[in-house]
Amino acid sequence: MRLLFLRRSLRPSTTHLTPSHSLFRRRSMATTAVDPINPSNTKLGWIGTGVMGRSMCSHLLKAGYTVTVFTRTQSKAESLLSMGAHWANSPKSLASQCDVVFSIVGYPSDVRDVILNPSSGVLSGLRRGGVIIDMTTSDPSLAVEIHSTASSASCSSIDAPVSGGDRGARLAALSIFAGGDETLVRRLTPLLNHLGIVYYMGAPGKGQFCKLANQVTIASTMVGLCEGLIYAHKAGLDLSNYLNAISTGAAGSKSLELYGNRILNRDFEAGFYVNHFVKDLGICLRECQNMGLALPGLALAQQLYLSLKAHGEGDLGTQALVLALERLNNVSLNKL
């Protein structure tokens, strides 16, 4: 099932709620009706202020929410603190002050630590009825584990990884793949709409599965984009003209739009790190093994990206894949 939740008001409901939904109750004891989430009734926490997290969190501050932030390196949160965000010294401290906690960190091990660490994680500080929204690309099984552990603590969680890169984060134009309780996702949608468009993908973990399928698609698309440029260069074409020509035909893609000119300009600054993409593709391959799937295009792309890491280029953006193909063919698009 695939539902697109656009920006819209949600009617109050008189449905009886479980403890995990208690954050959405009216503050009055006289009713159990549910208010739409808004800055007056919901305090937010944000963990992770990297390339995308910083921009995403800024949209919530601009929308008027009280936001408390935590990241391992406080200096990376300075721009948010200057916008009015509050600082917490640990995920546990942050969670104790918040109704909804977002996380977007690097690796599944980071997700496990910031959320499930029994002494310092979010769930050790989150009050009954609190909600966790993990936006990291991570293991589907970990998303299911977090959901189960949160439910045992009378809290809730959804997995909501995103696609759209640094540009999508800046423009609040991300695709958000949500897995978890559908009613809860609907109630969170007005909040998430400050970051992009929400697609409900199904039960806990299904948001992660959708994001991994997204990465499988991007991996082969990036290989095709870079191989096309290498071929066009060797054929003596003007590469800028070549990109313009194919962009309006069947070869046009979001990857071409976002990264084509960056590659020509040798702009390898990360909108999405090679290191993180290698992590994502590794998760995909493990899931393929679990499913009994053979996806050779995915495996090839993962090997090419691994070669970038071997050359010390893991902190470049995914468009740096062209460097691996240049080395394979002893050519350089820089020599035009």
C-alpha atoms as a PDB file:
ATOM      1  CA  MET A   1       0.000   0.000   0.000  1.00  0.00           C
ATOM      2  CA  ARG A   2       1.344   3.409  -0.945  1.00  0.00           C
ATOM      3  CA  LEU A   3      -0.357   6.513   0.290  1.00  0.00           C
ATOM      4  CA  LEU A   4       0.736  10.055  -0.469  1.00  0.00           C
ATOM      5  CA  PHE A   5       0.104  12.423   2.408  1.00  0.00           C
ATOM      6  CA  LEU A   6       0.008  16.034   1.195  1.00  0.00           C
ATOM      7  CA  ARG A   7      -0.110  19.063   3.426  1.00  0.00           C
ATOM      8  CA  ARG A   8      -3.534  19.214   5.000  1.00  0.00           C
ATOM      9  CA  SER A   9      -5.323  19.802   8.253  1.00  0.00           C
ATOM     10  CA  LEU A  10      -6.272  16.751  10.252  1.00  0.00           C
ATOM     11  CA  ARG A  11      -9.674  16.650  11.941  1.00  0.00           C
ATOM     12  CA  PRO A  12      -9.708  16.033  15.667  1.00  0.00           C
ATOM     13  CA  SER A  13     -10.702  12.485  16.521  1.00  0.00           C
ATOM     14  CA  THR A  14     -12.483  11.097  19.519  1.00  0.00           C
ATOM     15  CA  THR A  15     -10.998   7.632  19.044  1.00  0.00           C
ATOM     16  CA  HIS A  16      -9.565   6.135  22.231  1.00  0.00           C
ATOM     17  CA  LEU A  17      -5.781   6.299  22.087  1.00  0.00           C
ATOM     18  CA  THR A  18      -3.139   3.964  23.407  1.00  0.00           C
ATOM     19  CA  PRO A  19      -0.527   5.382  25.803  1.00  0.00           C
ATOM     20  CA  SER A  20       1.901   5.633  22.865  1.00  0.00           C
ATOM     21  CA  HIS A  21      -0.295   8.315  21.329  1.00  0.00           C
ATOM     22  CA  SER A  22      -0.754  10.348  24.492  1.00  0.00           C
ATOM     23  CA  LEU A  23       1.432  13.211  23.331  1.00  0.00           C
ATOM     24  CA  PHE A  24      -1.321  14.199  20.924  1.00  0.00           C
ATOM     25  CA  ARG A  25      -4.037  14.507  23.579  1.00  0.00           C
ATOM     26  CA  ARG A  26      -5.427  17.923  24.367  1.00  0.00           C
ATOM     27  CA  ARG A  27      -3.889  19.442  27.466  1.00  0.00           C
ATOM     28  CA  SER A  28      -7.394  19.624  28.990  1.00  0.00           C
ATOM     29  CA  MET A  29      -8.554  16.732  31.173  1.00  0.00           C
ATOM     30  CA  ALA A  30     -12.105  17.244  29.910  1.00  0.00           C
ATOM     31  CA  THR A  31     -11.629  15.568  26.537  1.00  0.00           C
ATOM     32  CA  THR A  32      -9.616  12.897  24.752  1.00  0.00           C
ATOM     33  CA  ALA A  33      -9.799  14.649  21.375  1.00  0.00           C
ATOM     34  CA  VAL A  34      -6.613  14.917  19.391  1.00  0.00           C
ATOM     35  CA  ASP A  35      -5.097  18.236  18.342  1.00  0.00           C
ATOM     36  CA  PRO A  36      -3.057  18.546  15.172  1.00  0.00           C
ATOM     37  CA  ILE A  37       0.631  18.916  15.965  1.00  0.00           C
ATOM     38  CA  ASN A  38       1.709  22.531  16.176  1.00  0.00           C
ATOM     39  CA  PRO A  39       4.425  24.605  17.875  1.00  0.00           C
ATOM     40  CA  SER A  40       2.198  25.339  20.884  1.00  0.00           C
ATOM     41  CA  ASN A  41       1.682  21.710  21.868  1.00  0.00           C
ATOM     42  CA  THR A  42       4.770  19.846  20.645  1.00  0.00           C
ATOM     43  CA  LYS A  43       8.418  20.253  21.627  1.00  0.00           C
ATOM     44  CA  LEU A  44      10.955  18.742  19.261  1.00  0.00           C
ATOM     45  CA  GLY A  45      14.391  17.192  19.605  1.00  0.00           C
ATOM     46  CA  TRP A  46      16.894  16.829  16.773  1.00  0.00           C
ATOM     47  CA  ILE A  47      19.927  14.520  16.775  1.00  0.00           C
ATOM     48  CA  GLY A  48      22.410  14.791  13.899  1.00  0.00           C
ATOM     49  CA  THR A  49      23.450  18.024  12.172  1.00  0.00           C
ATOM     50  CA  GLY A  50      25.364  16.807   9.135  1.00  0.00           C
ATOM     51  CA  VAL A  51      25.016  17.860   5.512  1.00  0.00           C
ATOM     52  CA  MET A  52      21.268  17.217   5.469  1.00  0.00           C
ATOM     53  CA  GLY A  53      20.253  17.267   9.120  1.00  0.00           C
ATOM     54  CA  ARG A  54      21.266  20.874   9.648  1.00  0.00           C
ATOM     55  CA  SER A  55      19.046  22.163   6.823  1.00  0.00           C
ATOM     56  CA  MET A  56      16.152  19.911   7.807  1.00  0.00           C
ATOM     57  CA  CYS A  57      16.189  21.045  11.413  1.00  0.00           C
ATOM     58  CA  SER A  58      16.319  24.694  10.348  1.00  0.00           C
ATOM     59  CA  HIS A  59      12.919  24.363   8.635  1.00  0.00           C
ATOM     60  CA  LEU A  60      11.328  23.270  11.916  1.00  0.00           C
ATOM     61  CA  LEU A  61      12.846  26.244  13.726  1.00  0.00           C
ATOM     62  CA  LYS A  62      11.547  28.571  11.028  1.00  0.00           C
ATOM     63  CA  ALA A  63       8.104  27.020  11.451  1.00  0.00           C
ATOM     64  CA  GLY A  64       8.126  28.189  15.078  1.00  0.00           C
ATOM     65  CA  TYR A  65       8.859  24.946  16.916  1.00  0.00           C
ATOM     66  CA  THR A  66      10.920  24.801  20.087  1.00  0.00           C
ATOM     67  CA  VAL A  67      13.810  22.525  19.124  1.00  0.00           C
ATOM     68  CA  THR A  68      16.552  21.031  21.291  1.00  0.00           C
ATOM     69  CA  VAL A  69      19.563  19.650  19.445  1.00  0.00           C
ATOM     70  CA  PHE A  70      22.361  17.201  20.120  1.00  0.00           C
ATOM     71  CA  THR A  71      25.279  16.197  17.947  1.00  0.00           C
ATOM     72  CA  ARG A  72      28.665  14.728  18.793  1.00  0.00           C
ATOM     73  CA  THR A  73      30.471  17.902  17.688  1.00  0.00           C
ATOM     74  CA  GLN A  74      28.700  20.929  19.128  1.00  0.00           C
ATOM     75  CA  SER A  75      30.314  23.326  16.638  1.00  0.00           C
ATOM     76  CA  LYS A  76      28.307  21.649  13.858  1.00  0.00           C
ATOM     77  CA  ALA A  77      25.130  22.832  15.560  1.00  0.00           C
ATOM     78  CA  GLU A  78      26.185  26.473  15.944  1.00  0.00           C
ATOM     79  CA  SER A  79      24.078  27.716  13.020  1.00  0.00           C
ATOM     80  CA  LEU A  80      20.992  26.110  14.586  1.00  0.00           C
ATOM     81  CA  LEU A  81      21.801  27.442  18.039  1.00  0.00           C
ATOM     82  CA  SER A  82      22.098  30.913  16.545  1.00  0.00           C
ATOM     83  CA  MET A  83      18.565  30.459  15.146  1.00  0.00           C
ATOM     84  CA  GLY A  84      17.211  29.758  18.636  1.00  0.00           C
ATOM     85  CA  ALA A  85      17.679  26.019  19.105  1.00  0.00           C
ATOM     86  CA  HIS A  86      18.559  24.764  22.596  1.00  0.00           C
ATOM     87  CA  TRP A  87      21.509  22.474  23.325  1.00  0.00           C
ATOM     88  CA  ALA A  88      21.418  19.154  25.170  1.00  0.00           C
ATOM     89  CA  ASN A  89      24.480  17.259  26.375  1.00  0.00           C
ATOM     90  CA  SER A  90      23.164  13.799  25.511  1.00  0.00           C
ATOM     91  CA  PRO A  91      20.326  12.066  23.659  1.00  0.00           C
ATOM     92  CA  LYS A  92      18.819  11.143  27.028  1.00  0.00           C
ATOM     93  CA  SER A  93      18.826  14.746  28.226  1.00  0.00           C
ATOM     94  CA  LEU A  94      17.366  15.906  24.915  1.00  0.00           C
ATOM     95  CA  ALA A  95      14.579  13.319  24.983  1.00  0.00           C
ATOM     96  CA  SER A  96      13.536  14.262  28.522  1.00  0.00           C
ATOM     97  CA  GLN A  97      12.631  17.740  27.235  1.00  0.00           C
ATOM     98  CA  CYS A  98      10.788  16.712  24.067  1.00  0.00           C
ATOM     99  CA  ASP A  99       7.591  15.160  22.721  1.00  0.00           C
ATOM    100  CA  VAL A 100       8.998  14.122  19.332  1.00  0.00           C
ATOM    101  CA  VAL A 101      12.662  13.265  18.708  1.00  0.00           C
ATOM    102  CA  PHE A 102      14.188  13.167  15.228  1.00  0.00           C
ATOM    103  CA  SER A 103      17.455  11.389  14.467  1.00  0.00           C
ATOM    104  CA  ILE A 104      19.498  11.433  11.272  1.00  0.00           C
ATOM    105  CA  VAL A 105      22.959  10.063  11.934  1.00  0.00           C
ATOM    106  CA  GLY A 106      25.569   8.128   9.982  1.00  0.00           C
ATOM    107  CA  TYR A 107      25.395   4.392  10.517  1.00  0.00           C
ATOM    108  CA  PRO A 108      23.112   1.765  12.061  1.00  0.00           C
ATOM    109  CA  SER A 109      25.553   1.521  14.983  1.00  0.00           C
ATOM    110  CA  ASP A 110      25.029   5.254  15.592  1.00  0.00           C
ATOM    111  CA  VAL A 111      21.254   4.803  15.466  1.00  0.00           C
ATOM    112  CA  ARG A 112      21.448   1.984  17.994  1.00  0.00           C
ATOM    113  CA  ASP A 113      23.618   4.048  20.315  1.00  0.00           C
ATOM    114  CA  VAL A 114      21.643   7.306  20.247  1.00  0.00           C
ATOM    115  CA  ILE A 115      18.246   5.602  20.578  1.00  0.00           C
ATOM    116  CA  LEU A 116      18.708   2.295  22.412  1.00  0.00           C
ATOM    117  CA  ASN A 117      21.755   2.873  24.650  1.00  0.00           C
ATOM    118  CA  PRO A 118      20.324   1.985  28.088  1.00  0.00           C
ATOM    119  CA  SER A 119      22.204   4.718  29.953  1.00  0.00           C
ATOM    120  CA  SER A 120      22.335   7.626  27.482  1.00  0.00           C
ATOM    121  CA  GLY A 121      19.950   6.881  24.604  1.00  0.00           C
ATOM    122  CA  VAL A 122      16.705   8.585  23.660  1.00  0.00           C
ATOM    123  CA  LEU A 123      14.493   5.844  25.068  1.00  0.00           C
ATOM    124  CA  SER A 124      16.176   6.120  28.470  1.00  0.00           C
ATOM    125  CA  GLY A 125      14.904   9.713  28.728  1.00  0.00           C
ATOM    126  CA  LEU A 126      11.754   9.914  26.605  1.00  0.00           C
ATOM    127  CA  ARG A 127       8.511  10.297  28.543  1.00  0.00           C
ATOM    128  CA  ARG A 128       5.506   8.022  28.067  1.00  0.00           C
ATOM    129  CA  GLY A 129       3.747   8.903  24.835  1.00  0.00           C
ATOM    130  CA  GLY A 130       6.883  10.308  23.210  1.00  0.00           C
ATOM    131  CA  VAL A 131       7.673   9.607  19.561  1.00  0.00           C
ATOM    132  CA  ILE A 132      10.933   8.794  17.790  1.00  0.00           C
ATOM    133  CA  ILE A 133      11.332   9.556  14.082  1.00  0.00           C
ATOM    134  CA  ASP A 134      14.518   7.969  12.754  1.00  0.00           C
ATOM    135  CA  MET A 135      15.409   9.427   9.353  1.00  0.00           C
ATOM    136  CA  THR A 136      18.760   7.666   9.011  1.00  0.00           C
ATOM    137  CA  THR A 137      19.097   5.091   6.238  1.00  0.00           C
ATOM    138  CA  SER A 138      19.524   1.991   8.359  1.00  0.00           C
ATOM    139  CA  ASP A 139      18.756  -1.724   8.730  1.00  0.00           C
ATOM    140  CA  PRO A 140      15.045  -2.568   8.441  1.00  0.00           C
ATOM    141  CA  SER A 141      15.466  -5.057  11.288  1.00  0.00           C
ATOM    142  CA  LEU A 142      16.791  -2.279  13.531  1.00  0.00           C
ATOM    143  CA  ALA A 143      13.721  -0.158  12.734  1.00  0.00           C
ATOM    144  CA  VAL A 144      11.509  -3.069  13.824  1.00  0.00           C
ATOM    145  CA  GLU A 145      13.584  -3.478  17.016  1.00  0.00           C
ATOM    146  CA  ILE A 146      13.298   0.230  17.854  1.00  0.00           C
ATOM    147  CA  HIS A 147       9.535   0.102  17.283  1.00  0.00           C
ATOM    148  CA  SER A 148       9.187  -2.898  19.588  1.00  0.00           C
ATOM    149  CA  THR A 149      11.396  -1.408  22.309  1.00  0.00           C
ATOM    150  CA  ALA A 150       9.615   1.954  22.118  1.00  0.00           C
ATOM    151  CA  SER A 151       6.225   0.271  22.394  1.00  0.00           C
ATOM    152  CA  SER A 152       7.395  -1.592  25.503  1.00  0.00           C
ATOM    153  CA  ALA A 153       8.251   1.790  27.030  1.00  0.00           C
ATOM    154  CA  SER A 154       4.795   3.216  26.135  1.00  0.00           C
ATOM    155  CA  CYS A 155       6.375   5.307  23.388  1.00  0.00           C
ATOM    156  CA  SER A 156       6.193   5.099  19.573  1.00  0.00           C
ATOM    157  CA  SER A 157       8.570   5.199  16.637  1.00  0.00           C
ATOM    158  CA  ILE A 158       8.497   5.426  12.874  1.00  0.00           C
ATOM    159  CA  ASP A 159      11.291   4.851  10.398  1.00  0.00           C
ATOM    160  CA  ALA A 160      11.330   7.728   7.923  1.00  0.00           C
ATOM    161  CA  PRO A 161      14.477   7.788   5.775  1.00  0.00           C
ATOM    162  CA  VAL A 162      14.616  10.433   3.074  1.00  0.00           C
ATOM    163  CA  SER A 163      15.759  10.950  -0.496  1.00  0.00           C
ATOM    164  CA  GLY A 164      16.631  14.179  -2.259  1.00  0.00           C
ATOM    165  CA  GLY A 165      20.150  14.971  -1.112  1.00  0.00           C
ATOM    166  CA  ASP A 166      21.466  18.262   0.170  1.00  0.00           C
ATOM    167  CA  ARG A 167      19.385  20.242  -2.314  1.00  0.00           C
ATOM    168  CA  GLY A 168      16.160  18.536  -1.250  1.00  0.00           C
ATOM    169  CA  ALA A 169      17.039  19.186   2.388  1.00  0.00           C
ATOM    170  CA  ARG A 170      17.686  22.896   1.753  1.00  0.00           C
ATOM    171  CA  LEU A 171      14.477  23.332  -0.251  1.00  0.00           C
ATOM    172  CA  ALA A 172      12.298  21.229   2.072  1.00  0.00           C
ATOM    173  CA  ALA A 173      11.601  19.041  -0.957  1.00  0.00           C
ATOM    174  CA  LEU A 174      12.606  15.616   0.336  1.00  0.00           C
ATOM    175  CA  SER A 175      10.784  12.378  -0.327  1.00  0.00           C
ATOM    176  CA  ILE A 176      10.082  10.819   3.086  1.00  0.00           C
ATOM    177  CA  PHE A 177       9.474   7.059   3.222  1.00  0.00           C
ATOM    178  CA  ALA A 178       7.536   6.283   6.392  1.00  0.00           C
ATOM    179  CA  GLY A 179       7.146   2.916   8.074  1.00  0.00           C
ATOM    180  CA  GLY A 180       5.142   2.302  11.239  1.00  0.00           C
ATOM    181  CA  ASP A 181       1.607   2.726  12.551  1.00  0.00           C
ATOM    182  CA  GLU A 182      -0.429   4.406   9.820  1.00  0.00           C
ATOM    183  CA  THR A 183      -2.539   6.485  12.196  1.00  0.00           C
ATOM    184  CA  LEU A 184       0.576   7.830  13.865  1.00  0.00           C
ATOM    185  CA  VAL A 185       2.181   8.633  10.508  1.00  0.00           C
ATOM    186  CA  ARG A 186      -0.936  10.566   9.520  1.00  0.00           C
ATOM    187  CA  ARG A 187      -0.753  12.618  12.716  1.00  0.00           C
ATOM    188  CA  LEU A 188       2.937  13.312  12.162  1.00  0.00           C
ATOM    189  CA  THR A 189       2.488  14.256   8.502  1.00  0.00           C
ATOM    190  CA  PRO A 190       1.855  18.008   9.057  1.00  0.00           C
ATOM    191  CA  LEU A 191       5.132  18.113  10.989  1.00  0.00           C
ATOM    192  CA  LEU A 192       7.046  16.108   8.382  1.00  0.00           C
ATOM    193  CA  ASN A 193       5.606  18.259   5.589  1.00  0.00           C
ATOM    194  CA  HIS A 194       7.961  21.020   6.742  1.00  0.00           C
ATOM    195  CA  LEU A 195      10.720  18.780   5.337  1.00  0.00           C
ATOM    196  CA  GLY A 196       9.106  17.327   2.221  1.00  0.00           C
ATOM    197  CA  ILE A 197       6.375  14.938   1.074  1.00  0.00           C
ATOM    198  CA  VAL A 198       5.481  11.861   3.102  1.00  0.00           C
ATOM    199  CA  TYR A 199       4.854   8.481   1.504  1.00  0.00           C
ATOM    200  CA  TYR A 200       3.429   5.841   3.816  1.00  0.00           C
ATOM    201  CA  MET A 201       5.081   2.513   2.941  1.00  0.00           C
ATOM    202  CA  GLY A 202       3.630   0.141   5.527  1.00  0.00           C
ATOM    203  CA  ALA A 203       4.584  -1.542   8.789  1.00  0.00           C
ATOM    204  CA  PRO A 204       7.745  -0.808  10.834  1.00  0.00           C
ATOM    205  CA  GLY A 205      10.835  -1.277   8.666  1.00  0.00           C
ATOM    206  CA  LYS A 206       9.025  -0.710   5.374  1.00  0.00           C
ATOM    207  CA  GLY A 207      10.271   2.873   5.156  1.00  0.00           C
ATOM    208  CA  GLN A 208      13.812   1.509   5.301  1.00  0.00           C
ATOM    209  CA  PHE A 209      13.078  -1.115   2.657  1.00  0.00           C
ATOM    210  CA  CYS A 210      11.759   1.625   0.363  1.00  0.00           C
ATOM    211  CA  LYS A 211      14.865   3.749   0.890  1.00  0.00           C
ATOM    212  CA  LEU A 212      17.126   0.784   0.136  1.00  0.00           C
ATOM    213  CA  ALA A 213      15.239   0.113  -3.111  1.00  0.00           C
ATOM    214  CA  ASN A 214      15.709   3.821  -3.866  1.00  0.00           C
ATOM    215  CA  GLN A 215      19.468   3.418  -3.365  1.00  0.00           C
ATOM    216  CA  VAL A 216      19.572   0.369  -5.642  1.00  0.00           C
ATOM    217  CA  THR A 217      17.985   2.511  -8.363  1.00  0.00           C
ATOM    218  CA  ILE A 218      20.335   5.457  -7.796  1.00  0.00           C
ATOM    219  CA  ALA A 219      23.445   3.259  -7.775  1.00  0.00           C
ATOM    220  CA  SER A 220      22.963   1.977 -11.317  1.00  0.00           C
ATOM    221  CA  THR A 221      21.752   5.386 -12.489  1.00  0.00           C
ATOM    222  CA  MET A 222      24.972   7.003 -11.271  1.00  0.00           C
ATOM    223  CA  VAL A 223      27.048   4.338 -13.027  1.00  0.00           C
ATOM    224  CA  GLY A 224      25.160   5.047 -16.249  1.00  0.00           C
ATOM    225  CA  LEU A 225      25.565   8.813 -15.898  1.00  0.00           C
ATOM    226  CA  CYS A 226      29.317   8.585 -15.345  1.00  0.00           C
ATOM    227  CA  GLU A 227      29.884   5.948 -18.033  1.00  0.00           C
ATOM    228  CA  GLY A 228      27.938   8.075 -20.518  1.00  0.00           C
ATOM    229  CA  LEU A 229      30.183  11.047 -19.764  1.00  0.00           C
ATOM    230  CA  ILE A 230      33.331   8.947 -20.183  1.00  0.00           C
ATOM    231  CA  TYR A 231      32.051   7.604 -23.496  1.00  0.00           C
ATOM    232  CA  ALA A 232      30.999  11.045 -24.768  1.00  0.00           C
ATOM    233  CA  HIS A 233      34.385  12.473 -23.784  1.00  0.00           C
ATOM    234  CA  LYS A 234      36.279   9.730 -25.614  1.00  0.00           C
ATOM    235  CA  ALA A 235      34.067  10.316 -28.664  1.00  0.00           C
ATOM    236  CA  GLY A 236      35.087  13.977 -28.670  1.00  0.00           C
ATOM    237  CA  LEU A 237      31.709  15.475 -27.788  1.00  0.00           C
ATOM    238  CA  ASP A 238      31.279  18.761 -25.968  1.00  0.00           C
ATOM    239  CA  LEU A 239      30.163  17.439 -22.593  1.00  0.00           C
ATOM    240  CA  SER A 240      28.042  20.409 -21.581  1.00  0.00           C
ATOM    241  CA  ASN A 241      26.183  20.236 -24.872  1.00  0.00           C
ATOM    242  CA  TYR A 242      25.887  16.463 -24.487  1.00  0.00           C
ATOM    243  CA  LEU A 243      24.250  16.778 -21.041  1.00  0.00           C
ATOM    244  CA  ASN A 244      21.829  19.405 -22.287  1.00  0.00           C
ATOM    245  CA  ALA A 245      20.903  17.223 -25.245  1.00  0.00           C
ATOM    246  CA  ILE A 246      20.142  14.068 -23.278  1.00  0.00           C
ATOM    247  CA  SER A 247      18.477  15.783 -20.317  1.00  0.00           C
ATOM    248  CA  THR A 248      15.194  16.252 -22.191  1.00  0.00           C
ATOM    249  CA  GLY A 249      15.101  12.725 -23.580  1.00  0.00           C
ATOM    250  CA  ALA A 250      14.736   9.268 -22.091  1.00  0.00           C
ATOM    251  CA  ALA A 251      18.161   9.525 -20.413  1.00  0.00           C
ATOM    252  CA  GLY A 252      17.066  12.496 -18.330  1.00  0.00           C
ATOM    253  CA  SER A 253      17.033  11.825 -14.581  1.00  0.00           C
ATOM    254  CA  LYS A 254      17.199  13.488 -11.194  1.00  0.00           C
ATOM    255  CA  SER A 255      20.796  12.271 -10.897  1.00  0.00           C
ATOM    256  CA  LEU A 256      21.702  13.996 -14.159  1.00  0.00           C
ATOM    257  CA  GLU A 257      19.936  17.168 -13.018  1.00  0.00           C
ATOM    258  CA  LEU A 258      21.663  17.228  -9.636  1.00  0.00           C
ATOM    259  CA  TYR A 259      25.111  15.940 -10.511  1.00  0.00           C
ATOM    260  CA  GLY A 260      25.823  16.305 -14.226  1.00  0.00           C
ATOM    261  CA  ASN A 261      27.216  19.825 -14.089  1.00  0.00           C
ATOM    262  CA  ARG A 262      28.868  19.195 -10.727  1.00  0.00           C
ATOM    263  CA  ILE A 263      30.876  16.440 -12.381  1.00  0.00           C
ATOM    264  CA  LEU A 264      31.873  18.692 -15.287  1.00  0.00           C
ATOM    265  CA  ASN A 265      32.918  21.412 -12.833  1.00  0.00           C
ATOM    266  CA  ARG A 266      34.903  18.875 -10.766  1.00  0.00           C
ATOM    267  CA  ASP A 267      32.691  19.769  -7.823  1.00  0.00           C
ATOM    268  CA  PHE A 268      32.843  16.694  -5.622  1.00  0.00           C
ATOM    269  CA  GLU A 269      31.627  18.331  -2.428  1.00  0.00           C
ATOM    270  CA  ALA A 270      29.315  15.942  -0.626  1.00  0.00           C
ATOM    271  CA  GLY A 271      25.575  16.325  -0.876  1.00  0.00           C
ATOM    272  CA  PHE A 272      25.630  12.665   0.121  1.00  0.00           C
ATOM    273  CA  TYR A 273      28.905  11.074   1.217  1.00  0.00           C
ATOM    274  CA  VAL A 274      30.508   8.153  -0.607  1.00  0.00           C
ATOM    275  CA  ASN A 275      31.102   6.584   2.828  1.00  0.00           C
ATOM    276  CA  HIS A 276      27.395   6.665   3.604  1.00  0.00           C
ATOM    277  CA  PHE A 277      26.429   5.390   0.158  1.00  0.00           C
ATOM    278  CA  VAL A 278      28.795   2.437   0.558  1.00  0.00           C
ATOM    279  CA  LYS A 279      27.065   1.759   3.881  1.00  0.00           C
ATOM    280  CA  ASP A 280      23.644   1.886   2.222  1.00  0.00           C
ATOM    281  CA  LEU A 281      24.663  -0.408  -0.624  1.00  0.00           C
ATOM    282  CA  GLY A 282      26.175  -2.836   1.872  1.00  0.00           C
ATOM    283  CA  ILE A 283      22.835  -3.000   3.715  1.00  0.00           C
ATOM    284  CA  CYS A 284      21.112  -3.579   0.368  1.00  0.00           C
ATOM    285  CA  LEU A 285      23.420  -6.471  -0.461  1.00  0.00           C
ATOM    286  CA  ARG A 286      22.869  -8.082   2.944  1.00  0.00           C
ATOM    287  CA  GLU A 287      19.122  -7.808   2.485  1.00  0.00           C
ATOM    288  CA  CYS A 288      19.477  -9.308  -1.006  1.00  0.00           C
ATOM    289  CA  GLN A 289      21.250 -12.283   0.531  1.00  0.00           C
ATOM    290  CA  ASN A 290      18.447 -12.657   3.069  1.00  0.00           C
ATOM    291  CA  MET A 291      15.880 -12.526   0.260  1.00  0.00           C
ATOM    292  CA  GLY A 292      17.781 -14.797  -2.125  1.00  0.00           C
ATOM    293  CA  LEU A 293      18.072 -11.998  -4.698  1.00  0.00           C
ATOM    294  CA  ALA A 294      20.838 -11.561  -7.280  1.00  0.00           C
ATOM    295  CA  LEU A 295      21.223  -7.895  -8.294  1.00  0.00           C
ATOM    296  CA  PRO A 296      24.479  -7.679 -10.283  1.00  0.00           C
ATOM    297  CA  GLY A 297      24.106  -3.985 -11.077  1.00  0.00           C
ATOM    298  CA  LEU A 298      23.945  -3.197  -7.374  1.00  0.00           C
ATOM    299  CA  ALA A 299      26.998  -5.364  -6.669  1.00  0.00           C
ATOM    300  CA  LEU A 300      29.031  -3.674  -9.417  1.00  0.00           C
ATOM    301  CA  ALA A 301      28.128  -0.188  -8.211  1.00  0.00           C
ATOM    302  CA  GLN A 302      29.069  -1.104  -4.643  1.00  0.00           C
ATOM    303  CA  GLN A 303      32.495  -2.310  -5.795  1.00  0.00           C
ATOM    304  CA  LEU A 304      33.134   0.888  -7.751  1.00  0.00           C
ATOM    305  CA  TYR A 305      32.185   3.015  -4.757  1.00  0.00           C
ATOM    306  CA  LEU A 306      34.373   0.854  -2.514  1.00  0.00           C
ATOM    307  CA  SER A 307      37.293   1.664  -4.807  1.00  0.00           C
ATOM    308  CA  LEU A 308      36.735   5.367  -4.046  1.00  0.00           C
ATOM    309  CA  LYS A 309      37.060   4.592  -0.337  1.00  0.00           C
ATOM    310  CA  ALA A 310      40.270   2.676  -1.055  1.00  0.00           C
ATOM    311  CA  HIS A 311      41.672   5.841  -2.657  1.00  0.00           C
ATOM    312  CA  GLY A 312      40.772   7.956   0.379  1.00  0.00           C
ATOM    313  CA  GLU A 313      37.776   9.570  -1.323  1.00  0.00           C
ATOM    314  CA  GLY A 314      35.039   8.431   1.051  1.00  0.00           C
ATOM    315  CA  ASP A 315      34.242  11.970   2.189  1.00  0.00           C
ATOM    316  CA  LEU A 316      33.506  13.139  -1.345  1.00  0.00           C
ATOM    317  CA  GLY A 317      30.004  13.188  -2.799  1.00  0.00           C
ATOM    318  CA  THR A 318      28.498  10.297  -4.730  1.00  0.00           C
ATOM    319  CA  GLN A 319      29.154  12.111  -8.019  1.00  0.00           C
ATOM    320  CA  ALA A 320      32.853  11.341  -7.424  1.00  0.00           C
ATOM    321  CA  LEU A 321      32.088   7.914  -8.932  1.00  0.00           C
ATOM    322  CA  VAL A 322      33.417   9.401 -12.170  1.00  0.00           C
ATOM    323  CA  LEU A 323      36.909   9.324 -10.625  1.00  0.00           C
ATOM    324  CA  ALA A 324      36.799   5.523 -10.379  1.00  0.00           C
ATOM    325  CA  LEU A 325      35.773   5.213 -14.021  1.00  0.00           C
ATOM    326  CA  GLU A 326      38.425   7.715 -15.105  1.00  0.00           C
ATOM    327  CA  ARG A 327      41.081   5.598 -13.412  1.00  0.00           C
ATOM    328  CA  LEU A 328      39.769   2.418 -15.060  1.00  0.00           C
ATOM    329  CA  ASN A 329      40.062   4.021 -18.500  1.00  0.00           C
ATOM    330  CA  ASN A 330      43.133   6.234 -17.949  1.00  0.00           C
ATOM    331  CA  VAL A 331      41.202   9.344 -18.965  1.00  0.00           C
ATOM    332  CA  SER A 332      40.200  12.544 -17.218  1.00  0.00           C
ATOM    333  CA  LEU A 333      37.189  14.686 -17.992  1.00  0.00           C
ATOM    334  CA  ASN A 334      39.217  17.527 -16.483  1.00  0.00           C
ATOM    335  CA  LYS A 335      41.440  17.537 -19.550  1.00  0.00           C
ATOM    336  CA  LEU A 336      38.981  19.045 -21.981  1.00  0.00           C
END
